[in-house]
Amino acid sequence: MSLAETIENKLRDEFDPQHIDVQCESHLHNVPAGSEMHFRVVLVSGAFASLRKVQRHQKVYGVLAEEMAGPVHALALHTYSPEEWPGEAPESPQCLGGGKH
């Protein structure tokens, strides 16, 4: 199972999302081919309805504590309640680090 699938499964189990999209964006960064270090997560859940953005992110980080302590270097989070969900989330900016610029 890929790390993206592990992340998605953990988030599904915890948040019962109406929408979830987990993408590995490591290929956009200056890392070895095949790396799984940079991820973009779009998560829409009723569990976020009464929470501020920072609280939502803290909950996600708590669920993914093991991954954040190990292989995950960067996690772009887009968290919404069902009422806030605009139907799509912003794309990640282009990496300008290392040899990518």
PDB file of N, CA and C in Angstrom:
ATOM      1  N   MET A   1       0.855  -1.181   0.000  1.00  0.00           N
ATOM      2  CA  MET A   1       0.000   0.000   0.000  1.00  0.00           C
ATOM      3  C   MET A   1       0.894   1.234   0.000  1.00  0.00           C
ATOM      4  N   SER A   2       0.553   2.210  -0.836  1.00  0.00           N
ATOM      5  CA  SER A   2       1.330   3.446  -0.897  1.00  0.00           C
ATOM      6  C   SER A   2       1.057   4.296   0.344  1.00  0.00           C
ATOM      7  N   LEU A   3       1.941   5.230   0.594  1.00  0.00           N
ATOM      8  CA  LEU A   3       1.753   6.132   1.724  1.00  0.00           C
ATOM      9  C   LEU A   3       0.502   7.000   1.524  1.00  0.00           C
ATOM     10  N   ALA A   4       0.219   7.392   0.291  1.00  0.00           N
ATOM     11  CA  ALA A   4      -1.001   8.164   0.009  1.00  0.00           C
ATOM     12  C   ALA A   4      -2.245   7.359   0.391  1.00  0.00           C
ATOM     13  N   GLU A   5      -2.245   6.073   0.089  1.00  0.00           N
ATOM     14  CA  GLU A   5      -3.389   5.218   0.452  1.00  0.00           C
ATOM     15  C   GLU A   5      -3.504   5.075   1.962  1.00  0.00           C
ATOM     16  N   THR A   6      -2.379   4.964   2.648  1.00  0.00           N
ATOM     17  CA  THR A   6      -2.385   4.879   4.114  1.00  0.00           C
ATOM     18  C   THR A   6      -2.975   6.147   4.710  1.00  0.00           C
ATOM     19  N   ILE A   7      -2.530   7.295   4.208  1.00  0.00           N
ATOM     20  CA  ILE A   7      -3.045   8.583   4.684  1.00  0.00           C
ATOM     21  C   ILE A   7      -4.548   8.674   4.434  1.00  0.00           C
ATOM     22  N   GLU A   8      -4.971   8.329   3.239  1.00  0.00           N
ATOM     23  CA  GLU A   8      -6.398   8.397   2.912  1.00  0.00           C
ATOM     24  C   GLU A   8      -7.220   7.483   3.818  1.00  0.00           C
ATOM     25  N   ASN A   9      -6.763   6.267   4.036  1.00  0.00           N
ATOM     26  CA  ASN A   9      -7.503   5.323   4.886  1.00  0.00           C
ATOM     27  C   ASN A   9      -7.636   5.833   6.314  1.00  0.00           C
ATOM     28  N   LYS A  10      -6.555   6.368   6.864  1.00  0.00           N
ATOM     29  CA  LYS A  10      -6.611   6.897   8.230  1.00  0.00           C
ATOM     30  C   LYS A  10      -7.584   8.061   8.332  1.00  0.00           C
ATOM     31  N   LEU A  11      -7.549   8.946   7.349  1.00  0.00           N
ATOM     32  CA  LEU A  11      -8.448  10.103   7.373  1.00  0.00           C
ATOM     33  C   LEU A  11      -9.903   9.683   7.164  1.00  0.00           C
ATOM     34  N   ARG A  12     -10.134   8.701   6.309  1.00  0.00           N
ATOM     35  CA  ARG A  12     -11.507   8.184   6.124  1.00  0.00           C
ATOM     36  C   ARG A  12     -12.046   7.604   7.434  1.00  0.00           C
ATOM     37  N   ASP A  13     -11.224   6.822   8.092  1.00  0.00           N
ATOM     38  CA  ASP A  13     -11.647   6.185   9.343  1.00  0.00           C
ATOM     39  C   ASP A  13     -11.975   7.213  10.425  1.00  0.00           C
ATOM     40  N   GLU A  14     -11.203   8.273  10.489  1.00  0.00           N
ATOM     41  CA  GLU A  14     -11.370   9.259  11.550  1.00  0.00           C
ATOM     42  C   GLU A  14     -12.451  10.292  11.269  1.00  0.00           C
ATOM     43  N   PHE A  15     -12.552  10.754  10.019  1.00  0.00           N
ATOM     44  CA  PHE A  15     -13.404  11.909   9.719  1.00  0.00           C
ATOM     45  C   PHE A  15     -14.670  11.596   8.927  1.00  0.00           C
ATOM     46  N   ASP A  16     -14.840  10.376   8.446  1.00  0.00           N
ATOM     47  CA  ASP A  16     -16.015  10.015   7.646  1.00  0.00           C
ATOM     48  C   ASP A  16     -16.327  11.117   6.624  1.00  0.00           C
ATOM     49  N   PRO A  17     -15.383  11.401   5.743  1.00  0.00           N
ATOM     50  CA  PRO A  17     -15.517  12.560   4.858  1.00  0.00           C
ATOM     51  C   PRO A  17     -16.573  12.405   3.774  1.00  0.00           C
ATOM     52  N   GLN A  18     -17.140  13.534   3.393  1.00  0.00           N
ATOM     53  CA  GLN A  18     -18.027  13.582   2.232  1.00  0.00           C
ATOM     54  C   GLN A  18     -17.205  13.659   0.951  1.00  0.00           C
ATOM     55  N   HIS A  19     -15.993  14.178   1.070  1.00  0.00           N
ATOM     56  CA  HIS A  19     -15.066  14.248  -0.060  1.00  0.00           C
ATOM     57  C   HIS A  19     -13.652  14.152   0.489  1.00  0.00           C
ATOM     58  N   ILE A  20     -12.819  13.374  -0.193  1.00  0.00           N
ATOM     59  CA  ILE A  20     -11.405  13.288   0.187  1.00  0.00           C
ATOM     60  C   ILE A  20     -10.582  13.100  -1.070  1.00  0.00           C
ATOM     61  N   ASP A  21      -9.465  13.796  -1.105  1.00  0.00           N
ATOM     62  CA  ASP A  21      -8.523  13.660  -2.218  1.00  0.00           C
ATOM     63  C   ASP A  21      -7.122  13.781  -1.632  1.00  0.00           C
ATOM     64  N   VAL A  22      -6.346  12.714  -1.739  1.00  0.00           N
ATOM     65  CA  VAL A  22      -4.972  12.696  -1.255  1.00  0.00           C
ATOM     66  C   VAL A  22      -4.070  12.481  -2.458  1.00  0.00           C
ATOM     67  N   GLN A  23      -3.184  13.429  -2.688  1.00  0.00           N
ATOM     68  CA  GLN A  23      -2.276  13.348  -3.830  1.00  0.00           C
ATOM     69  C   GLN A  23      -0.835  13.471  -3.362  1.00  0.00           C
ATOM     70  N   CYS A  24      -0.003  12.581  -3.865  1.00  0.00           N
ATOM     71  CA  CYS A  24       1.430  12.694  -3.634  1.00  0.00           C
ATOM     72  C   CYS A  24       1.966  13.705  -4.644  1.00  0.00           C
ATOM     73  N   GLU A  25       2.591  14.765  -4.130  1.00  0.00           N
ATOM     74  CA  GLU A  25       3.148  15.803  -4.998  1.00  0.00           C
ATOM     75  C   GLU A  25       4.668  15.815  -4.962  1.00  0.00           C
ATOM     76  N   SER A  26       5.254  14.725  -4.512  1.00  0.00           N
ATOM     77  CA  SER A  26       6.710  14.663  -4.393  1.00  0.00           C
ATOM     78  C   SER A  26       7.408  14.869  -5.728  1.00  0.00           C
ATOM     79  N   HIS A  27       6.779  14.408  -6.795  1.00  0.00           N
ATOM     80  CA  HIS A  27       7.393  14.548  -8.127  1.00  0.00           C
ATOM     81  C   HIS A  27       7.547  16.008  -8.549  1.00  0.00           C
ATOM     82  N   LEU A  28       6.853  16.917  -7.868  1.00  0.00           N
ATOM     83  CA  LEU A  28       6.951  18.339  -8.173  1.00  0.00           C
ATOM     84  C   LEU A  28       8.114  19.013  -7.443  1.00  0.00           C
ATOM     85  N   HIS A  29       8.813  18.252  -6.608  1.00  0.00           N
ATOM     86  CA  HIS A  29       9.873  18.789  -5.760  1.00  0.00           C
ATOM     87  C   HIS A  29      11.217  18.162  -6.104  1.00  0.00           C
ATOM     88  N   ASN A  30      12.252  18.729  -5.556  1.00  0.00           N
ATOM     89  CA  ASN A  30      13.609  18.269  -5.808  1.00  0.00           C
ATOM     90  C   ASN A  30      13.942  17.115  -4.859  1.00  0.00           C
ATOM     91  N   VAL A  31      13.331  15.962  -5.128  1.00  0.00           N
ATOM     92  CA  VAL A  31      13.538  14.759  -4.320  1.00  0.00           C
ATOM     93  C   VAL A  31      13.806  13.583  -5.261  1.00  0.00           C
ATOM     94  N   PRO A  32      14.353  12.503  -4.745  1.00  0.00           N
ATOM     95  CA  PRO A  32      14.604  11.340  -5.608  1.00  0.00           C
ATOM     96  C   PRO A  32      13.307  10.817  -6.235  1.00  0.00           C
ATOM     97  N   ALA A  33      13.423  10.304  -7.445  1.00  0.00           N
ATOM     98  CA  ALA A  33      12.266   9.721  -8.144  1.00  0.00           C
ATOM     99  C   ALA A  33      11.633   8.639  -7.282  1.00  0.00           C
ATOM    100  N   GLY A  34      10.323   8.607  -7.270  1.00  0.00           N
ATOM    101  CA  GLY A  34       9.593   7.594  -6.502  1.00  0.00           C
ATOM    102  C   GLY A  34       9.387   7.938  -5.034  1.00  0.00           C
ATOM    103  N   SER A  35       9.857   9.108  -4.608  1.00  0.00           N
ATOM    104  CA  SER A  35       9.700   9.513  -3.209  1.00  0.00           C
ATOM    105  C   SER A  35       8.239   9.772  -2.871  1.00  0.00           C
ATOM    106  N   GLU A  36       7.893   9.527  -1.628  1.00  0.00           N
ATOM    107  CA  GLU A  36       6.565   9.854  -1.096  1.00  0.00           C
ATOM    108  C   GLU A  36       6.783  10.704   0.143  1.00  0.00           C
ATOM    109  N   MET A  37       6.932  12.004  -0.059  1.00  0.00           N
ATOM    110  CA  MET A  37       7.267  12.919   1.033  1.00  0.00           C
ATOM    111  C   MET A  37       6.366  14.143   1.103  1.00  0.00           C
ATOM    112  N   HIS A  38       5.839  14.572  -0.039  1.00  0.00           N
ATOM    113  CA  HIS A  38       5.032  15.789  -0.136  1.00  0.00           C
ATOM    114  C   HIS A  38       3.614  15.414  -0.558  1.00  0.00           C
ATOM    115  N   PHE A  39       2.632  15.844   0.232  1.00  0.00           N
ATOM    116  CA  PHE A  39       1.246  15.468  -0.045  1.00  0.00           C
ATOM    117  C   PHE A  39       0.321  16.674   0.008  1.00  0.00           C
ATOM    118  N   ARG A  40      -0.733  16.578  -0.766  1.00  0.00           N
ATOM    119  CA  ARG A  40      -1.824  17.555  -0.786  1.00  0.00           C
ATOM    120  C   ARG A  40      -3.079  16.795  -0.390  1.00  0.00           C
ATOM    121  N   VAL A  41      -3.788  17.301   0.631  1.00  0.00           N
ATOM    122  CA  VAL A  41      -4.993  16.650   1.131  1.00  0.00           C
ATOM    123  C   VAL A  41      -6.151  17.637   1.078  1.00  0.00           C
ATOM    124  N   VAL A  42      -7.223  17.230   0.423  1.00  0.00           N
ATOM    125  CA  VAL A  42      -8.482  17.978   0.431  1.00  0.00           C
ATOM    126  C   VAL A  42      -9.469  17.110   1.202  1.00  0.00           C
ATOM    127  N   LEU A  43     -10.021  17.650   2.278  1.00  0.00           N
ATOM    128  CA  LEU A  43     -10.865  16.866   3.174  1.00  0.00           C
ATOM    129  C   LEU A  43     -12.108  17.673   3.546  1.00  0.00           C
ATOM    130  N   VAL A  44     -13.273  17.115   3.228  1.00  0.00           N
ATOM    131  CA  VAL A  44     -14.556  17.753   3.541  1.00  0.00           C
ATOM    132  C   VAL A  44     -15.292  16.843   4.515  1.00  0.00           C
ATOM    133  N   SER A  45     -15.540  17.368   5.711  1.00  0.00           N
ATOM    134  CA  SER A  45     -16.157  16.545   6.752  1.00  0.00           C
ATOM    135  C   SER A  45     -17.026  17.391   7.678  1.00  0.00           C
ATOM    136  N   GLY A  46     -18.113  16.814   8.114  1.00  0.00           N
ATOM    137  CA  GLY A  46     -18.963  17.454   9.107  1.00  0.00           C
ATOM    138  C   GLY A  46     -18.245  17.654  10.426  1.00  0.00           C
ATOM    139  N   ALA A  47     -17.188  16.887  10.659  1.00  0.00           N
ATOM    140  CA  ALA A  47     -16.408  17.019  11.897  1.00  0.00           C
ATOM    141  C   ALA A  47     -15.727  18.382  11.994  1.00  0.00           C
ATOM    142  N   PHE A  48     -15.628  19.107  10.877  1.00  0.00           N
ATOM    143  CA  PHE A  48     -14.964  20.411  10.863  1.00  0.00           C
ATOM    144  C   PHE A  48     -15.934  21.573  11.050  1.00  0.00           C
ATOM    145  N   ALA A  49     -17.215  21.302  11.140  1.00  0.00           N
ATOM    146  CA  ALA A  49     -18.242  22.352  11.139  1.00  0.00           C
ATOM    147  C   ALA A  49     -18.024  23.433  12.192  1.00  0.00           C
ATOM    148  N   SER A  50     -17.641  23.081  13.388  1.00  0.00           N
ATOM    149  CA  SER A  50     -17.518  24.073  14.460  1.00  0.00           C
ATOM    150  C   SER A  50     -16.066  24.415  14.792  1.00  0.00           C
ATOM    151  N   LEU A  51     -15.135  24.006  13.932  1.00  0.00           N
ATOM    152  CA  LEU A  51     -13.716  24.207  14.229  1.00  0.00           C
ATOM    153  C   LEU A  51     -13.089  25.288  13.357  1.00  0.00           C
ATOM    154  N   ARG A  52     -12.153  26.019  13.961  1.00  0.00           N
ATOM    155  CA  ARG A  52     -11.355  26.977  13.197  1.00  0.00           C
ATOM    156  C   ARG A  52     -10.330  26.194  12.377  1.00  0.00           C
ATOM    157  N   LYS A  53      -9.761  26.855  11.398  1.00  0.00           N
ATOM    158  CA  LYS A  53      -8.807  26.209  10.491  1.00  0.00           C
ATOM    159  C   LYS A  53      -7.657  25.543  11.238  1.00  0.00           C
ATOM    160  N   VAL A  54      -7.077  26.244  12.193  1.00  0.00           N
ATOM    161  CA  VAL A  54      -5.942  25.677  12.926  1.00  0.00           C
ATOM    162  C   VAL A  54      -6.355  24.427  13.714  1.00  0.00           C
ATOM    163  N   GLN A  55      -7.559  24.415  14.263  1.00  0.00           N
ATOM    164  CA  GLN A  55      -8.052  23.241  14.988  1.00  0.00           C
ATOM    165  C   GLN A  55      -8.250  22.058  14.044  1.00  0.00           C
ATOM    166  N   ARG A  56      -8.721  22.324  12.861  1.00  0.00           N
ATOM    167  CA  ARG A  56      -8.903  21.273  11.857  1.00  0.00           C
ATOM    168  C   ARG A  56      -7.547  20.654  11.512  1.00  0.00           C
ATOM    169  N   HIS A  57      -6.574  21.513  11.277  1.00  0.00           N
ATOM    170  CA  HIS A  57      -5.242  21.026  10.920  1.00  0.00           C
ATOM    171  C   HIS A  57      -4.630  20.228  12.067  1.00  0.00           C
ATOM    172  N   GLN A  58      -4.827  20.686  13.293  1.00  0.00           N
ATOM    173  CA  GLN A  58      -4.308  19.960  14.451  1.00  0.00           C
ATOM    174  C   GLN A  58      -4.911  18.559  14.534  1.00  0.00           C
ATOM    175  N   LYS A  59      -6.190  18.448  14.249  1.00  0.00           N
ATOM    176  CA  LYS A  59      -6.840  17.131  14.270  1.00  0.00           C
ATOM    177  C   LYS A  59      -6.253  16.215  13.199  1.00  0.00           C
ATOM    178  N   VAL A  60      -6.039  16.748  12.000  1.00  0.00           N
ATOM    179  CA  VAL A  60      -5.444  15.948  10.922  1.00  0.00           C
ATOM    180  C   VAL A  60      -4.027  15.529  11.308  1.00  0.00           C
ATOM    181  N   TYR A  61      -3.233  16.477  11.829  1.00  0.00           N
ATOM    182  CA  TYR A  61      -1.871  16.146  12.251  1.00  0.00           C
ATOM    183  C   TYR A  61      -1.881  15.072  13.334  1.00  0.00           C
ATOM    184  N   GLY A  62      -2.853  15.124  14.234  1.00  0.00           N
ATOM    185  CA  GLY A  62      -2.956  14.112  15.282  1.00  0.00           C
ATOM    186  C   GLY A  62      -3.187  12.721  14.708  1.00  0.00           C
ATOM    187  N   VAL A  63      -4.075  12.622  13.728  1.00  0.00           N
ATOM    188  CA  VAL A  63      -4.366  11.337  13.085  1.00  0.00           C
ATOM    189  C   VAL A  63      -3.140  10.823  12.322  1.00  0.00           C
ATOM    190  N   LEU A  64      -2.383  11.740  11.756  1.00  0.00           N
ATOM    191  CA  LEU A  64      -1.224  11.362  10.932  1.00  0.00           C
ATOM    192  C   LEU A  64       0.103  11.562  11.666  1.00  0.00           C
ATOM    193  N   ALA A  65       0.080  11.513  12.994  1.00  0.00           N
ATOM    194  CA  ALA A  65       1.288  11.765  13.789  1.00  0.00           C
ATOM    195  C   ALA A  65       2.442  10.843  13.404  1.00  0.00           C
ATOM    196  N   GLU A  66       2.165   9.583  13.193  1.00  0.00           N
ATOM    197  CA  GLU A  66       3.215   8.627  12.834  1.00  0.00           C
ATOM    198  C   GLU A  66       3.855   8.994  11.492  1.00  0.00           C
ATOM    199  N   GLU A  67       3.031   9.327  10.524  1.00  0.00           N
ATOM    200  CA  GLU A  67       3.533   9.692   9.199  1.00  0.00           C
ATOM    201  C   GLU A  67       4.297  11.019   9.236  1.00  0.00           C
ATOM    202  N   MET A  68       3.792  11.981  10.032  1.00  0.00           N
ATOM    203  CA  MET A  68       4.446  13.277  10.145  1.00  0.00           C
ATOM    204  C   MET A  68       5.803  13.161  10.851  1.00  0.00           C
ATOM    205  N   ALA A  69       5.949  12.188  11.714  1.00  0.00           N
ATOM    206  CA  ALA A  69       7.209  11.972  12.426  1.00  0.00           C
ATOM    207  C   ALA A  69       8.216  11.217  11.567  1.00  0.00           C
ATOM    208  N   GLY A  70       7.758  10.655  10.473  1.00  0.00           N
ATOM    209  CA  GLY A  70       8.634   9.838   9.648  1.00  0.00           C
ATOM    210  C   GLY A  70       8.725  10.307   8.222  1.00  0.00           C
ATOM    211  N   PRO A  71       8.038   9.628   7.337  1.00  0.00           N
ATOM    212  CA  PRO A  71       8.265   9.863   5.913  1.00  0.00           C
ATOM    213  C   PRO A  71       7.674  11.147   5.344  1.00  0.00           C
ATOM    214  N   VAL A  72       6.664  11.739   5.969  1.00  0.00           N
ATOM    215  CA  VAL A  72       6.024  12.926   5.391  1.00  0.00           C
ATOM    216  C   VAL A  72       6.830  14.175   5.745  1.00  0.00           C
ATOM    217  N   HIS A  73       7.249  14.873   4.711  1.00  0.00           N
ATOM    218  CA  HIS A  73       8.023  16.104   4.876  1.00  0.00           C
ATOM    219  C   HIS A  73       7.105  17.329   4.802  1.00  0.00           C
ATOM    220  N   ALA A  74       6.101  17.280   3.928  1.00  0.00           N
ATOM    221  CA  ALA A  74       5.201  18.417   3.732  1.00  0.00           C
ATOM    222  C   ALA A  74       3.781  17.926   3.495  1.00  0.00           C
ATOM    223  N   LEU A  75       2.828  18.648   4.096  1.00  0.00           N
ATOM    224  CA  LEU A  75       1.424  18.275   3.989  1.00  0.00           C
ATOM    225  C   LEU A  75       0.611  19.546   3.763  1.00  0.00           C
ATOM    226  N   ALA A  76       0.111  19.715   2.546  1.00  0.00           N
ATOM    227  CA  ALA A  76      -0.745  20.858   2.226  1.00  0.00           C
ATOM    228  C   ALA A  76      -2.176  20.451   2.530  1.00  0.00           C
ATOM    229  N   LEU A  77      -2.802  21.139   3.484  1.00  0.00           N
ATOM    230  CA  LEU A  77      -4.148  20.773   3.920  1.00  0.00           C
ATOM    231  C   LEU A  77      -5.181  21.796   3.462  1.00  0.00           C
ATOM    232  N   HIS A  78      -6.265  21.273   2.917  1.00  0.00           N
ATOM    233  CA  HIS A  78      -7.431  22.067   2.536  1.00  0.00           C
ATOM    234  C   HIS A  78      -8.615  21.378   3.210  1.00  0.00           C
ATOM    235  N   THR A  79      -9.049  21.939   4.335  1.00  0.00           N
ATOM    236  CA  THR A  79     -10.108  21.311   5.138  1.00  0.00           C
ATOM    237  C   THR A  79     -11.354  22.186   5.124  1.00  0.00           C
ATOM    238  N   TYR A  80     -12.492  21.531   4.894  1.00  0.00           N
ATOM    239  CA  TYR A  80     -13.765  22.243   4.772  1.00  0.00           C
ATOM    240  C   TYR A  80     -14.869  21.479   5.494  1.00  0.00           C
ATOM    241  N   SER A  81     -15.848  22.229   5.995  1.00  0.00           N
ATOM    242  CA  SER A  81     -17.106  21.605   6.402  1.00  0.00           C
ATOM    243  C   SER A  81     -17.924  21.452   5.116  1.00  0.00           C
ATOM    244  N   PRO A  82     -18.950  20.609   5.114  1.00  0.00           N
ATOM    245  CA  PRO A  82     -19.766  20.455   3.900  1.00  0.00           C
ATOM    246  C   PRO A  82     -20.378  21.784   3.420  1.00  0.00           C
ATOM    247  N   GLU A  83     -20.738  22.648   4.347  1.00  0.00           N
ATOM    248  CA  GLU A  83     -21.348  23.934   3.983  1.00  0.00           C
ATOM    249  C   GLU A  83     -20.337  24.886   3.331  1.00  0.00           C
ATOM    250  N   GLU A  84     -19.067  24.742   3.662  1.00  0.00           N
ATOM    251  CA  GLU A  84     -18.021  25.615   3.123  1.00  0.00           C
ATOM    252  C   GLU A  84     -17.439  25.132   1.802  1.00  0.00           C
ATOM    253  N   TRP A  85     -17.615  23.873   1.498  1.00  0.00           N
ATOM    254  CA  TRP A  85     -16.949  23.239   0.357  1.00  0.00           C
ATOM    255  C   TRP A  85     -17.352  23.924  -0.949  1.00  0.00           C
ATOM    256  N   PRO A  86     -16.388  24.556  -1.646  1.00  0.00           N
ATOM    257  CA  PRO A  86     -16.702  25.240  -2.900  1.00  0.00           C
ATOM    258  C   PRO A  86     -16.694  24.315  -4.118  1.00  0.00           C
ATOM    259  N   GLY A  87     -16.397  23.048  -3.924  1.00  0.00           N
ATOM    260  CA  GLY A  87     -16.387  22.104  -5.039  1.00  0.00           C
ATOM    261  C   GLY A  87     -15.000  21.803  -5.564  1.00  0.00           C
ATOM    262  N   GLU A  88     -14.037  22.632  -5.220  1.00  0.00           N
ATOM    263  CA  GLU A  88     -12.643  22.377  -5.573  1.00  0.00           C
ATOM    264  C   GLU A  88     -11.752  23.179  -4.635  1.00  0.00           C
ATOM    265  N   ALA A  89     -10.514  22.715  -4.506  1.00  0.00           N
ATOM    266  CA  ALA A  89      -9.550  23.390  -3.640  1.00  0.00           C
ATOM    267  C   ALA A  89      -8.448  23.997  -4.494  1.00  0.00           C
ATOM    268  N   PRO A  90      -7.753  24.982  -3.955  1.00  0.00           N
ATOM    269  CA  PRO A  90      -6.658  25.591  -4.714  1.00  0.00           C
ATOM    270  C   PRO A  90      -5.576  24.568  -5.054  1.00  0.00           C
ATOM    271  N   GLU A  91      -4.940  24.769  -6.193  1.00  0.00           N
ATOM    272  CA  GLU A  91      -3.815  23.922  -6.582  1.00  0.00           C
ATOM    273  C   GLU A  91      -2.587  24.345  -5.788  1.00  0.00           C
ATOM    274  N   SER A  92      -1.660  23.427  -5.638  1.00  0.00           N
ATOM    275  CA  SER A  92      -0.410  23.742  -4.952  1.00  0.00           C
ATOM    276  C   SER A  92       0.464  24.611  -5.846  1.00  0.00           C
ATOM    277  N   PRO A  93       1.204  25.545  -5.227  1.00  0.00           N
ATOM    278  CA  PRO A  93       2.107  26.372  -6.029  1.00  0.00           C
ATOM    279  C   PRO A  93       3.292  25.549  -6.526  1.00  0.00           C
ATOM    280  N   GLN A  94       3.941  26.040  -7.555  1.00  0.00           N
ATOM    281  CA  GLN A  94       5.126  25.374  -8.079  1.00  0.00           C
ATOM    282  C   GLN A  94       6.256  25.465  -7.063  1.00  0.00           C
ATOM    283  N   CYS A  95       7.003  24.386  -6.920  1.00  0.00           N
ATOM    284  CA  CYS A  95       8.150  24.353  -6.022  1.00  0.00           C
ATOM    285  C   CYS A  95       9.276  25.174  -6.643  1.00  0.00           C
ATOM    286  N   LEU A  96       9.878  26.043  -5.837  1.00  0.00           N
ATOM    287  CA  LEU A  96      10.992  26.845  -6.313  1.00  0.00           C
ATOM    288  C   LEU A  96      12.290  26.482  -5.590  1.00  0.00           C
ATOM    289  N   GLY A  97      12.257  25.427  -4.796  1.00  0.00           N
ATOM    290  CA  GLY A  97      13.435  25.016  -4.047  1.00  0.00           C
ATOM    291  C   GLY A  97      14.353  24.112  -4.817  1.00  0.00           C
ATOM    292  N   GLY A  98      15.552  23.961  -4.295  1.00  0.00           N
ATOM    293  CA  GLY A  98      16.523  23.035  -4.870  1.00  0.00           C
ATOM    294  C   GLY A  98      16.809  23.328  -6.336  1.00  0.00           C
ATOM    295  N   GLY A  99      16.817  22.285  -7.147  1.00  0.00           N
ATOM    296  CA  GLY A  99      17.128  22.420  -8.560  1.00  0.00           C
ATOM    297  C   GLY A  99      15.929  22.603  -9.447  1.00  0.00           C
ATOM    298  N   LYS A 100      14.756  22.888  -8.891  1.00  0.00           N
ATOM    299  CA  LYS A 100      13.522  23.003  -9.677  1.00  0.00           C
ATOM    300  C   LYS A 100      13.300  24.382 -10.276  1.00  0.00           C
ATOM    301  N   HIS A 101      14.084  25.397  -9.896  1.00  0.00           N
ATOM    302  CA  HIS A 101      13.853  26.747 -10.434  1.00  0.00           C
ATOM    303  C   HIS A 101      14.860  27.140 -11.474  1.00  0.00           C
TER     304      HIS A 101
END
